[in-house]
Protein backbone atom coordinates (compact mmCIF):
# COMPACT_ATOMS: atom_id res chain seq x y z
CA UNK A 1 0.00 0.00 0.00
CA UNK A 2 1.19 3.46 -0.82
CA UNK A 3 2.10 5.56 2.16
CA UNK A 4 -0.09 8.56 2.73
CA UNK A 5 1.84 11.82 2.55
CA UNK A 6 1.61 13.76 5.74
CA UNK A 7 0.07 17.20 5.32
CA UNK A 8 2.70 19.87 5.13
CA UNK A 9 2.71 22.64 7.69
CA UNK A 10 4.31 25.02 5.15
CA UNK A 11 1.23 27.28 5.06
CA UNK A 12 1.16 27.50 8.85
CA UNK A 13 4.84 28.34 9.02
CA UNK A 14 4.44 31.00 6.32
CA UNK A 15 1.54 32.53 8.20
CA UNK A 16 3.54 32.69 11.41
CA UNK A 17 6.90 33.85 10.03
CA UNK A 18 7.22 34.63 6.29
CA UNK A 19 11.00 34.99 6.63
CA UNK A 20 11.24 31.21 7.14
CA UNK A 21 10.34 30.81 3.45
CA UNK A 22 13.40 32.84 2.50
CA UNK A 23 15.57 30.92 4.96
CA UNK A 24 14.51 27.54 3.61
CA UNK A 25 14.50 28.67 -0.06
CA UNK A 26 17.55 30.87 -0.69
CA UNK A 27 17.17 30.20 -4.42
CA UNK A 28 13.97 32.26 -4.34
CA UNK A 29 15.87 35.37 -3.22
CA UNK A 30 18.50 34.78 -5.89
CA UNK A 31 15.88 34.37 -8.62
CA UNK A 32 14.02 37.54 -7.60
CA UNK A 33 17.23 39.55 -7.38
CA UNK A 34 18.42 38.32 -10.78
CA UNK A 35 15.03 39.11 -12.32
CA UNK A 36 15.06 42.66 -10.98
CA UNK A 37 18.65 43.16 -12.14
CA UNK A 38 17.80 41.86 -15.62
CA UNK A 39 14.82 44.22 -15.90
CA UNK A 40 16.94 47.20 -14.85
CA UNK A 41 19.70 46.18 -17.25
CA UNK A 42 17.21 45.88 -20.13
CA UNK A 43 15.75 49.33 -19.39
CA UNK A 44 19.22 50.89 -19.33
CA UNK A 45 20.13 49.09 -22.57
CA UNK A 46 16.94 50.21 -24.33
CA UNK A 47 17.55 53.80 -23.23
CA UNK A 48 21.27 53.91 -24.05
CA UNK A 49 20.87 52.16 -27.44
CA UNK A 50 17.79 54.12 -28.49
CA UNK A 51 19.26 55.33 -31.79
CA UNK A 52 20.06 51.73 -32.77
CA UNK A 53 17.14 49.76 -31.32
CA UNK A 54 14.31 52.13 -32.25
CA UNK A 55 14.74 51.68 -36.05
CA UNK A 56 14.89 47.91 -35.54
CA UNK A 57 11.63 47.92 -33.55
CA UNK A 58 9.88 50.15 -36.11
CA UNK A 59 11.11 47.94 -38.97
CA UNK A 60 9.85 44.83 -37.15
CA UNK A 61 6.39 46.34 -36.68
CA UNK A 62 6.20 47.48 -40.32
CA UNK A 63 7.38 44.06 -41.52
CA UNK A 64 4.62 42.31 -39.58
CA UNK A 65 1.99 44.74 -40.87
CA UNK A 66 3.17 44.55 -44.50
CA UNK A 67 3.59 40.76 -44.65
CA UNK A 68 -0.04 40.13 -45.81
CA UNK A 69 0.40 42.68 -48.62
CA UNK A 70 3.62 40.96 -49.71
CA UNK A 71 1.90 37.57 -49.75
CA UNK A 72 -0.93 39.01 -51.81
CA UNK A 73 1.53 40.44 -54.35
CA UNK A 74 3.44 37.15 -54.50
CA UNK A 75 0.24 35.27 -55.34
CA UNK A 76 -0.05 37.26 -58.58
CA UNK A 77 3.41 36.04 -59.67
CA UNK A 78 5.37 39.08 -58.52
CA UNK A 79 8.90 38.16 -57.33
CA UNK A 80 9.45 38.46 -53.61
CA UNK A 81 12.06 41.28 -53.78
CA UNK A 82 9.80 43.34 -56.03
CA UNK A 83 6.81 42.60 -53.79
CA UNK A 84 8.75 43.83 -50.74
CA UNK A 85 9.76 47.01 -52.58
CA UNK A 86 6.17 47.67 -53.72
CA UNK A 87 4.86 47.15 -50.17
CA UNK A 88 7.43 49.62 -48.81
CA UNK A 89 6.57 52.14 -51.53
CA UNK A 90 2.89 51.83 -50.64
CA UNK A 91 3.59 52.32 -46.93
CA UNK A 92 5.90 55.27 -47.61
CA UNK A 93 3.31 56.92 -49.88
CA UNK A 94 0.62 56.51 -47.21
CA UNK A 95 2.87 58.05 -44.53
CA UNK A 96 3.93 60.91 -46.84
CA UNK A 97 0.30 61.68 -47.76
CA UNK A 98 -0.73 61.73 -44.10
CA UNK A 99 2.05 64.11 -43.10
CA UNK A 100 1.45 66.32 -46.14
CA UNK A 101 -2.08 66.92 -44.85
CA UNK A 102 -0.53 68.29 -41.67
CA UNK A 103 2.67 70.03 -42.77
CA UNK A 104 1.25 72.44 -45.38
CA UNK A 105 -1.64 73.78 -43.24
CA UNK A 106 0.68 73.97 -40.24
CA UNK A 107 2.98 76.31 -42.17
CA UNK A 108 0.06 78.70 -42.76
CA UNK A 109 -0.82 78.66 -39.07
CA UNK A 110 2.79 79.40 -38.13
CA UNK A 111 2.61 82.59 -40.20
CA UNK A 112 -0.40 83.75 -38.17
CA UNK A 113 1.15 82.63 -34.87
CA UNK A 114 1.66 86.15 -33.36
CA UNK A 115 -1.98 87.19 -33.74
CA UNK A 116 -3.19 83.79 -32.55
CA UNK A 117 -0.99 84.02 -29.47
CA UNK A 118 -2.38 87.47 -28.65
CA UNK A 119 -5.97 86.25 -28.84
CA UNK A 120 -5.19 83.17 -26.76
CA UNK A 121 -3.40 85.29 -24.15
CA UNK A 122 -6.42 87.60 -23.89
CA UNK A 123 -8.73 84.65 -23.25
CA UNK A 124 -6.32 83.16 -20.74
CA UNK A 125 -6.29 86.44 -18.82
CA UNK A 126 -10.07 86.27 -18.66
CA UNK A 127 -9.87 82.72 -17.31
CA UNK A 128 -7.28 83.77 -14.70
CA UNK A 129 -9.38 86.69 -13.43
CA UNK A 130 -11.02 84.67 -10.59
CA UNK A 131 -7.53 83.66 -9.40
CA UNK A 132 -6.19 87.23 -9.33
CA UNK A 133 -6.35 87.60 -5.49
CA UNK A 134 -4.22 84.48 -5.04
CA UNK A 135 -1.77 85.75 -7.65
CA UNK A 136 -1.44 89.09 -5.84
CA UNK A 137 -0.76 87.35 -2.54
CA UNK A 138 1.95 85.18 -4.10
CA UNK A 139 3.60 88.25 -5.60
CA UNK A 140 3.60 89.97 -2.21
CA UNK A 141 5.20 86.90 -0.65
CA UNK A 142 7.85 86.86 -3.35
CA UNK A 143 8.53 90.56 -2.66
CA UNK A 144 9.43 89.69 0.93
CA UNK A 145 12.31 87.50 -0.16
CA UNK A 146 15.72 88.87 0.77
CA UNK A 147 18.00 89.36 -2.21
CA UNK A 148 21.67 88.99 -1.42
CA UNK A 149 23.76 91.84 -2.86
CA UNK A 150 26.30 90.87 -5.43
CA UNK A 151 29.92 91.73 -4.88
CA UNK A 152 31.60 93.95 -7.47
CA UNK A 153 33.94 91.13 -8.39
CA UNK A 154 31.10 88.79 -9.28
CA UNK A 155 30.82 87.86 -12.93
CA UNK A 156 28.21 86.06 -14.95
CA UNK A 157 29.25 83.36 -17.39
CA UNK A 158 26.91 82.92 -20.36
CA UNK A 159 27.11 79.64 -22.27
CA UNK A 160 25.94 79.98 -25.83
CA UNK A 161 23.98 77.01 -27.11
CA UNK A 162 23.89 75.93 -30.77
CA UNK A 163 21.59 77.98 -32.94
CA UNK A 164 18.18 76.87 -34.13
CA UNK A 165 19.38 76.27 -37.70
CA UNK A 166 22.19 73.96 -36.62
CA UNK A 167 19.88 72.04 -34.28
CA UNK A 168 17.32 71.56 -37.08
CA UNK A 169 20.03 70.37 -39.48
CA UNK A 170 21.35 67.87 -36.93
CA UNK A 171 17.85 66.56 -36.24
CA UNK A 172 17.09 66.30 -39.97
CA UNK A 173 20.27 64.28 -40.57
CA UNK A 174 19.38 61.89 -37.75
CA UNK A 175 15.81 61.46 -39.03
CA UNK A 176 16.99 60.79 -42.60
CA UNK A 177 19.57 58.24 -41.44
CA UNK A 178 17.13 56.40 -39.18
CA UNK A 179 14.40 56.42 -41.86
CA UNK A 180 16.79 54.90 -44.37
CA UNK A 181 17.82 52.26 -41.83
CA UNK A 182 14.15 51.43 -41.16
CA UNK A 183 13.41 50.91 -44.87
CA UNK A 184 16.51 48.74 -45.36
CA UNK A 185 15.77 46.57 -42.32
CA UNK A 186 12.10 46.25 -43.24
CA UNK A 187 13.01 45.21 -46.80
CA UNK A 188 15.28 42.39 -45.62
CA UNK A 189 12.78 41.28 -42.98
CA UNK A 190 10.09 40.99 -45.66
CA UNK A 191 12.52 39.26 -48.00
CA UNK A 192 13.66 36.59 -45.52
CA UNK A 193 10.50 36.16 -43.44
CA UNK A 194 9.66 32.66 -44.76
CA UNK A 195 13.19 31.29 -44.34
CA UNK A 196 13.41 32.71 -40.83
CA UNK A 197 10.06 31.16 -39.83
CA UNK A 198 10.93 27.76 -41.30
CA UNK A 199 14.31 27.62 -39.55
CA UNK A 200 12.91 28.66 -36.16
CA UNK A 201 10.16 26.03 -36.42
CA UNK A 202 12.49 23.29 -37.69
CA UNK A 203 15.08 23.68 -34.94
CA UNK A 204 12.57 23.05 -32.14
CA UNK A 205 13.45 19.74 -30.46
CA UNK A 206 9.92 18.24 -30.33
CA UNK A 207 6.84 18.20 -32.52
CA UNK A 208 4.89 20.02 -29.80
CA UNK A 209 7.51 22.76 -29.76
CA UNK A 210 7.40 23.07 -33.55
CA UNK A 211 3.60 23.31 -33.51
CA UNK A 212 3.78 25.96 -30.78
CA UNK A 213 6.33 28.00 -32.76
CA UNK A 214 4.17 27.72 -35.90
CA UNK A 215 1.16 28.99 -33.94
CA UNK A 216 3.17 31.95 -32.60
CA UNK A 217 4.23 33.00 -36.11
CA UNK A 218 0.70 32.52 -37.41
CA UNK A 219 -0.94 34.58 -34.67
CA UNK A 220 1.69 37.33 -34.69
CA UNK A 221 1.21 37.71 -38.43
CA UNK A 222 -2.57 37.48 -38.62
CA UNK A 223 -3.93 38.73 -35.35
CA UNK A 224 -1.57 41.68 -34.96
CA UNK A 225 -2.22 42.75 -38.55
CA UNK A 226 -5.98 42.32 -38.16
CA UNK A 227 -6.04 44.28 -34.92
CA UNK A 228 -3.93 47.11 -36.29
CA UNK A 229 -5.92 47.33 -39.55
CA UNK A 230 -9.16 47.69 -37.60
CA UNK A 231 -7.51 50.12 -35.21
CA UNK A 232 -6.23 52.22 -38.13
CA UNK A 233 -9.70 52.20 -39.72
CA UNK A 234 -11.25 53.45 -36.50
CA UNK A 235 -8.60 56.18 -36.20
CA UNK A 236 -9.29 57.23 -39.79
CA UNK A 237 -12.98 57.60 -38.94
CA UNK A 238 -12.03 59.65 -35.87
CA UNK A 239 -9.84 61.91 -38.03
CA UNK A 240 -12.60 62.41 -40.62
CA UNK A 241 -15.17 63.19 -37.94
CA UNK A 242 -12.80 65.63 -36.23
CA UNK A 243 -11.98 67.37 -39.51
CA UNK A 244 -15.67 67.72 -40.40
CA UNK A 245 -16.46 69.07 -36.92
CA UNK A 246 -13.65 71.65 -37.15
CA UNK A 247 -14.82 72.66 -40.63
CA UNK A 248 -18.41 73.05 -39.43
CA UNK A 249 -17.32 75.11 -36.40
CA UNK A 250 -15.14 77.41 -38.52
CA UNK A 251 -11.74 76.37 -37.16
CA UNK A 252 -8.97 77.11 -39.70
CA UNK A 253 -7.26 74.21 -41.52
CA UNK A 254 -9.71 71.38 -40.72
CA UNK A 255 -7.64 68.88 -42.76
CA UNK A 256 -4.70 69.42 -40.42
CA UNK A 257 -6.80 68.86 -37.32
CA UNK A 258 -8.32 65.71 -38.81
CA UNK A 259 -4.86 64.34 -39.63
CA UNK A 260 -3.56 65.16 -36.16
CA UNK A 261 -6.57 63.48 -34.55
CA UNK A 262 -5.96 60.34 -36.60
CA UNK A 263 -2.23 60.22 -35.78
CA UNK A 264 -2.60 61.02 -32.07
CA UNK A 265 -5.28 58.37 -31.69
CA UNK A 266 -2.63 55.73 -32.41
CA UNK A 267 -1.21 56.58 -28.95
CA UNK A 268 -3.94 55.28 -26.60
CA UNK A 269 -5.11 57.62 -23.84
CA UNK A 270 -2.17 60.03 -24.09
CA UNK A 271 -2.74 60.94 -27.74
CA UNK A 272 -6.38 62.02 -27.32
CA UNK A 273 -5.42 64.01 -24.22
CA UNK A 274 -2.77 65.89 -26.21
CA UNK A 275 -5.27 66.49 -29.00
CA UNK A 276 -7.72 67.99 -26.52
CA UNK A 277 -5.08 70.44 -25.36
CA UNK A 278 -4.23 71.48 -28.92
CA UNK A 279 -7.89 71.98 -29.86
CA UNK A 280 -8.51 73.96 -26.68
CA UNK A 281 -5.62 76.29 -27.47
CA UNK A 282 -6.71 76.57 -31.13
CA UNK A 283 -10.20 77.54 -30.02
CA UNK A 284 -8.85 80.23 -27.70
CA UNK A 285 -6.60 81.57 -30.46
CA UNK A 286 -9.34 81.62 -33.13
CA UNK A 287 -12.67 82.66 -31.66
CA UNK A 288 -13.69 85.84 -29.84
CA UNK A 289 -15.70 84.36 -26.97
CA UNK A 290 -14.91 81.61 -24.52
CA UNK A 291 -18.12 79.77 -25.40
CA UNK A 292 -17.19 79.55 -29.07
CA UNK A 293 -13.62 78.64 -28.17
CA UNK A 294 -14.83 75.60 -26.22
CA UNK A 295 -16.84 74.11 -29.11
CA UNK A 296 -13.91 72.37 -30.93
CA UNK A 297 -12.73 70.82 -27.67
CA UNK A 298 -16.22 69.65 -26.74
CA UNK A 299 -16.76 68.21 -30.22
CA UNK A 300 -13.57 66.14 -30.01
CA UNK A 301 -14.47 64.97 -26.49
CA UNK A 302 -17.82 63.73 -27.83
CA UNK A 303 -16.13 61.97 -30.77
CA UNK A 304 -13.57 60.30 -28.48
CA UNK A 305 -16.29 59.22 -26.06
CA UNK A 306 -18.33 57.61 -28.87
CA UNK A 307 -15.23 55.90 -30.28
CA UNK A 308 -13.97 54.52 -26.96
CA UNK A 309 -17.31 53.35 -25.55
CA UNK A 310 -19.38 52.31 -28.57
CA UNK A 311 -17.49 52.11 -31.89
CA UNK A 312 -14.32 50.30 -30.79
CA UNK A 313 -16.09 47.67 -28.59
CA UNK A 314 -18.60 47.01 -31.38
CA UNK A 315 -16.08 46.62 -34.21
CA UNK A 316 -13.21 44.95 -32.37
CA UNK A 317 -15.26 43.10 -29.81
CA UNK A 318 -14.65 42.35 -26.16
CA UNK A 319 -12.41 39.35 -26.92
CA UNK A 320 -9.88 41.60 -28.62
CA UNK A 321 -9.95 44.29 -25.96
CA UNK A 322 -6.75 44.74 -24.01
CA UNK A 323 -6.50 45.69 -20.36
CA UNK A 324 -6.54 49.53 -20.18
CA UNK A 325 -4.09 49.49 -17.27
CA UNK A 326 -1.64 47.38 -19.30
CA UNK A 327 -1.99 49.76 -22.26
CA UNK A 328 -1.33 52.83 -20.10
CA UNK A 329 1.71 51.26 -18.43
CA UNK A 330 3.22 49.97 -21.68
CA UNK A 331 2.58 53.16 -23.66
CA UNK A 332 3.95 55.32 -20.84
CA UNK A 333 7.01 53.08 -20.52
CA UNK A 334 7.91 53.23 -24.23
CA UNK A 335 7.24 56.98 -24.43
CA UNK A 336 9.55 57.45 -21.44
CA UNK A 337 12.26 55.38 -23.14
CA UNK A 338 11.90 56.22 -26.85
CA UNK A 339 9.68 59.31 -27.04
CA UNK A 340 6.57 59.69 -29.25
CA UNK A 341 7.67 57.00 -31.72
CA UNK A 342 7.89 54.58 -28.83
CA UNK A 343 4.28 55.35 -27.96
CA UNK A 344 3.20 54.67 -31.58
CA UNK A 345 4.79 51.21 -31.72
CA UNK A 346 3.93 50.32 -28.11
CA UNK A 347 0.56 48.77 -28.96
CA UNK A 348 1.84 46.44 -31.73
CA UNK A 349 4.72 45.35 -29.48
CA UNK A 350 2.26 44.69 -26.66
CA UNK A 351 0.08 42.52 -28.92
CA UNK A 352 3.12 40.55 -30.11
CA UNK A 353 4.20 39.98 -26.53
CA UNK A 354 0.68 38.88 -25.59
CA UNK A 355 0.56 36.34 -28.44
CA UNK A 356 3.85 34.86 -27.25
CA UNK A 357 2.54 34.71 -23.67
CA UNK A 358 -0.70 33.03 -24.77
CA UNK A 359 1.26 30.21 -26.45
CA UNK A 360 3.86 29.78 -23.68
CA UNK A 361 2.44 27.86 -20.67
CA UNK A 362 4.60 29.56 -17.98
CA UNK A 363 3.60 33.01 -19.32
CA UNK A 364 -0.14 32.45 -19.82
CA UNK A 365 -0.89 34.24 -16.56
CA UNK A 366 0.89 37.34 -17.91
CA UNK A 367 -1.09 37.08 -21.15
CA UNK A 368 -4.36 36.83 -19.20
CA UNK A 369 -3.43 39.97 -17.23
CA UNK A 370 -2.75 41.87 -20.47
CA UNK A 371 -6.18 41.01 -21.90
CA UNK A 372 -8.57 38.35 -23.12
CA UNK A 373 -7.44 35.98 -25.91
CA UNK A 374 -7.61 37.55 -29.34
CA UNK A 375 -10.35 36.37 -31.71
CA UNK A 376 -9.69 33.76 -34.37
CA UNK A 377 -8.99 35.13 -37.82
CA UNK A 378 -10.64 34.21 -41.12
CA UNK A 379 -13.38 32.25 -39.39
CA UNK A 380 -11.31 29.05 -39.07
CA UNK A 381 -12.01 26.74 -36.19
CA UNK A 382 -9.35 25.75 -33.69
CA UNK A 383 -9.10 22.22 -35.11
CA UNK A 384 -8.39 23.60 -38.58
CA UNK A 385 -5.80 25.96 -37.14
CA UNK A 386 -4.10 23.09 -35.28
CA UNK A 387 -4.05 20.94 -38.43
CA UNK A 388 -2.57 23.81 -40.47
CA UNK A 389 0.16 24.58 -37.94
CA UNK A 390 0.97 20.86 -37.53
CA UNK A 391 1.38 20.44 -41.28
CA UNK A 392 3.57 23.54 -41.37
CA UNK A 393 5.72 22.23 -38.53
CA UNK A 394 6.18 18.82 -40.21
CA UNK A 395 6.99 20.50 -43.53
CA UNK A 396 9.53 22.77 -41.83
CA UNK A 397 11.16 19.74 -40.17
CA UNK A 398 11.44 18.04 -43.54
CA UNK A 399 12.79 21.17 -45.22
CA UNK A 400 15.52 21.76 -42.63
CA UNK A 401 16.53 18.39 -41.07
CA UNK A 402 17.99 18.58 -37.58
CA UNK A 403 20.41 16.09 -36.11
CA UNK A 404 18.90 13.84 -33.45
Foldseek 3Di string as FASTA:
>chain_A
DDDDDDDDCVVVVCVVPVVVVCVVCVVVVVVVVVVVVVVVVVLVVCQVCVLPVLLVLLLVLLLLQLLVQLVVVVVVVDDSLVSLVVSVVVVVVVVVVLVVLAVVLVVVVVVVVVLLVVLLVVVVVVVCVVVVVVVVVVVVVVVPDDDDDDDPPDDDDDDDDDDPVVVVVVVVVSVVVSVVSSSVSNSVCSSCVVVVLLVVLQPDPDLLSSLLSLQLVVCLNPVLNVVVVVQLVLLLVLLVQLLVQCVVLVQPSSSNLSSQSSVLVLQPPVSLVVSLVVQLSSLSSPDNDNVSSCRSSVSSVVSVVCSVPPVVCVVQNQQADWDPVLSVVQLVSLCVRNNPSRSNSSVSVLSSVLSNLCSDVVSVVVSVNGGHHGDDPPPDDPVVSSVVSSVSSVVSCVVDPDDD
